[in-house]
């Protein structure tokens, strides 16, 4: 499932969501969300945040987003040293 999504351009996306505690609005709590999503529109994250605002009591303060390709081209590096262990 995830491989197919990655081949269609989805990237591993992590969001740090800061929100106000419902019982103590002056206190911020952190929530980490992670899923595969499309950059730069983030439709999966946007659906989650819409759900949050519609269904949960904690008012959103801020969201920081980072994403990375999981499938990348192979890398070749030349080594300048060779070690032998007997």
C-alpha atoms as a PDB file:
ATOM      1  CA  UNK A   1       0.000   0.000   0.000  1.00  0.00           C
ATOM      2  CA  UNK A   2       2.647   2.534   0.996  1.00  0.00           C
ATOM      3  CA  UNK A   3       4.915   1.663  -1.945  1.00  0.00           C
ATOM      4  CA  UNK A   4       2.155   2.422  -4.425  1.00  0.00           C
ATOM      5  CA  UNK A   5       1.469   5.763  -2.805  1.00  0.00           C
ATOM      6  CA  UNK A   6       5.167   6.629  -2.793  1.00  0.00           C
ATOM      7  CA  UNK A   7       5.420   5.827  -6.489  1.00  0.00           C
ATOM      8  CA  UNK A   8       2.515   8.241  -7.083  1.00  0.00           C
ATOM      9  CA  UNK A   9       4.443  11.082  -5.398  1.00  0.00           C
ATOM     10  CA  UNK A  10       3.411  10.765  -1.768  1.00  0.00           C
ATOM     11  CA  UNK A  11       6.094  11.653   0.772  1.00  0.00           C
ATOM     12  CA  UNK A  12       6.448  10.794   4.435  1.00  0.00           C
ATOM     13  CA  UNK A  13       5.061  13.864   6.192  1.00  0.00           C
ATOM     14  CA  UNK A  14       5.395  14.748   9.858  1.00  0.00           C
ATOM     15  CA  UNK A  15       3.474  17.571  11.513  1.00  0.00           C
ATOM     16  CA  UNK A  16       4.011  18.958  14.991  1.00  0.00           C
ATOM     17  CA  UNK A  17       0.654  20.333  16.099  1.00  0.00           C
ATOM     18  CA  UNK A  18       0.533  22.733  19.035  1.00  0.00           C
ATOM     19  CA  UNK A  19      -2.894  23.186  20.555  1.00  0.00           C
ATOM     20  CA  UNK A  20      -4.486  24.800  23.604  1.00  0.00           C
ATOM     21  CA  UNK A  21      -5.549  22.400  26.347  1.00  0.00           C
ATOM     22  CA  UNK A  22      -9.369  22.534  26.580  1.00  0.00           C
ATOM     23  CA  UNK A  23      -9.424  22.791  30.392  1.00  0.00           C
ATOM     24  CA  UNK A  24      -6.437  25.167  30.576  1.00  0.00           C
ATOM     25  CA  UNK A  25      -6.417  27.364  27.427  1.00  0.00           C
ATOM     26  CA  UNK A  26      -3.185  29.119  28.400  1.00  0.00           C
ATOM     27  CA  UNK A  27      -1.278  25.789  28.313  1.00  0.00           C
ATOM     28  CA  UNK A  28      -0.027  24.426  24.993  1.00  0.00           C
ATOM     29  CA  UNK A  29       0.221  20.713  24.286  1.00  0.00           C
ATOM     30  CA  UNK A  30       2.144  19.078  21.440  1.00  0.00           C
ATOM     31  CA  UNK A  31       0.831  16.318  19.172  1.00  0.00           C
ATOM     32  CA  UNK A  32       2.922  14.582  16.472  1.00  0.00           C
ATOM     33  CA  UNK A  33       1.073  13.408  13.349  1.00  0.00           C
ATOM     34  CA  UNK A  34       2.717  11.318  10.618  1.00  0.00           C
ATOM     35  CA  UNK A  35       1.375   9.889   7.357  1.00  0.00           C
ATOM     36  CA  UNK A  36       2.096   9.820   3.631  1.00  0.00           C
ATOM     37  CA  UNK A  37       0.918  12.989   1.881  1.00  0.00           C
ATOM     38  CA  UNK A  38       1.300  14.985  -1.326  1.00  0.00           C
ATOM     39  CA  UNK A  39       3.533  18.052  -1.260  1.00  0.00           C
ATOM     40  CA  UNK A  40       2.856  21.053  -1.373  1.00  0.00           C
ATOM     41  CA  UNK A  41      -0.953  20.833  -0.924  1.00  0.00           C
ATOM     42  CA  UNK A  42      -0.971  18.251   1.921  1.00  0.00           C
ATOM     43  CA  UNK A  43      -4.555  17.000   1.349  1.00  0.00           C
ATOM     44  CA  UNK A  44      -4.275  14.217   3.977  1.00  0.00           C
ATOM     45  CA  UNK A  45      -2.992  16.626   6.634  1.00  0.00           C
ATOM     46  CA  UNK A  46      -5.654  19.197   5.718  1.00  0.00           C
ATOM     47  CA  UNK A  47      -8.392  16.557   6.154  1.00  0.00           C
ATOM     48  CA  UNK A  48      -6.941  15.631   9.557  1.00  0.00           C
ATOM     49  CA  UNK A  49      -6.799  19.281  10.663  1.00  0.00           C
ATOM     50  CA  UNK A  50     -10.391  19.829   9.463  1.00  0.00           C
ATOM     51  CA  UNK A  51     -11.440  16.797  11.531  1.00  0.00           C
ATOM     52  CA  UNK A  52      -9.529  18.217  14.516  1.00  0.00           C
ATOM     53  CA  UNK A  53     -11.261  21.594  14.307  1.00  0.00           C
ATOM     54  CA  UNK A  54     -14.672  19.995  13.778  1.00  0.00           C
ATOM     55  CA  UNK A  55     -14.529  17.195  16.382  1.00  0.00           C
ATOM     56  CA  UNK A  56     -11.933  18.002  19.078  1.00  0.00           C
ATOM     57  CA  UNK A  57     -12.034  20.611  21.824  1.00  0.00           C
ATOM     58  CA  UNK A  58      -8.387  21.735  21.767  1.00  0.00           C
ATOM     59  CA  UNK A  59      -8.073  24.908  19.671  1.00  0.00           C
ATOM     60  CA  UNK A  60      -5.125  24.783  17.243  1.00  0.00           C
ATOM     61  CA  UNK A  61      -2.243  27.133  17.948  1.00  0.00           C
ATOM     62  CA  UNK A  62       0.246  26.250  15.193  1.00  0.00           C
ATOM     63  CA  UNK A  63       1.365  23.455  12.862  1.00  0.00           C
ATOM     64  CA  UNK A  64       4.941  22.791  11.702  1.00  0.00           C
ATOM     65  CA  UNK A  65       5.331  20.443   8.747  1.00  0.00           C
ATOM     66  CA  UNK A  66       8.320  18.497   7.416  1.00  0.00           C
ATOM     67  CA  UNK A  67       8.383  15.928   4.630  1.00  0.00           C
ATOM     68  CA  UNK A  68      10.940  13.666   3.027  1.00  0.00           C
ATOM     69  CA  UNK A  69      11.111  11.277   0.104  1.00  0.00           C
ATOM     70  CA  UNK A  70      11.295   7.706   1.336  1.00  0.00           C
ATOM     71  CA  UNK A  71      12.147   6.263  -2.057  1.00  0.00           C
ATOM     72  CA  UNK A  72      15.185   8.003  -3.508  1.00  0.00           C
ATOM     73  CA  UNK A  73      17.663   7.208  -6.269  1.00  0.00           C
ATOM     74  CA  UNK A  74      20.580   5.060  -5.202  1.00  0.00           C
ATOM     75  CA  UNK A  75      23.744   6.876  -4.171  1.00  0.00           C
ATOM     76  CA  UNK A  76      27.234   5.841  -5.096  1.00  0.00           C
ATOM     77  CA  UNK A  77      30.164   7.161  -3.116  1.00  0.00           C
ATOM     78  CA  UNK A  78      33.822   6.556  -3.757  1.00  0.00           C
ATOM     79  CA  UNK A  79      35.778   5.387  -0.745  1.00  0.00           C
ATOM     80  CA  UNK A  80      39.320   6.634  -0.345  1.00  0.00           C
ATOM     81  CA  UNK A  81      40.276   4.018   2.222  1.00  0.00           C
ATOM     82  CA  UNK A  82      40.211   0.238   2.339  1.00  0.00           C
ATOM     83  CA  UNK A  83      40.633  -1.701   5.554  1.00  0.00           C
ATOM     84  CA  UNK A  84      41.306  -5.406   5.894  1.00  0.00           C
ATOM     85  CA  UNK A  85      40.608  -7.254   9.101  1.00  0.00           C
ATOM     86  CA  UNK A  86      42.078 -10.716   9.588  1.00  0.00           C
END
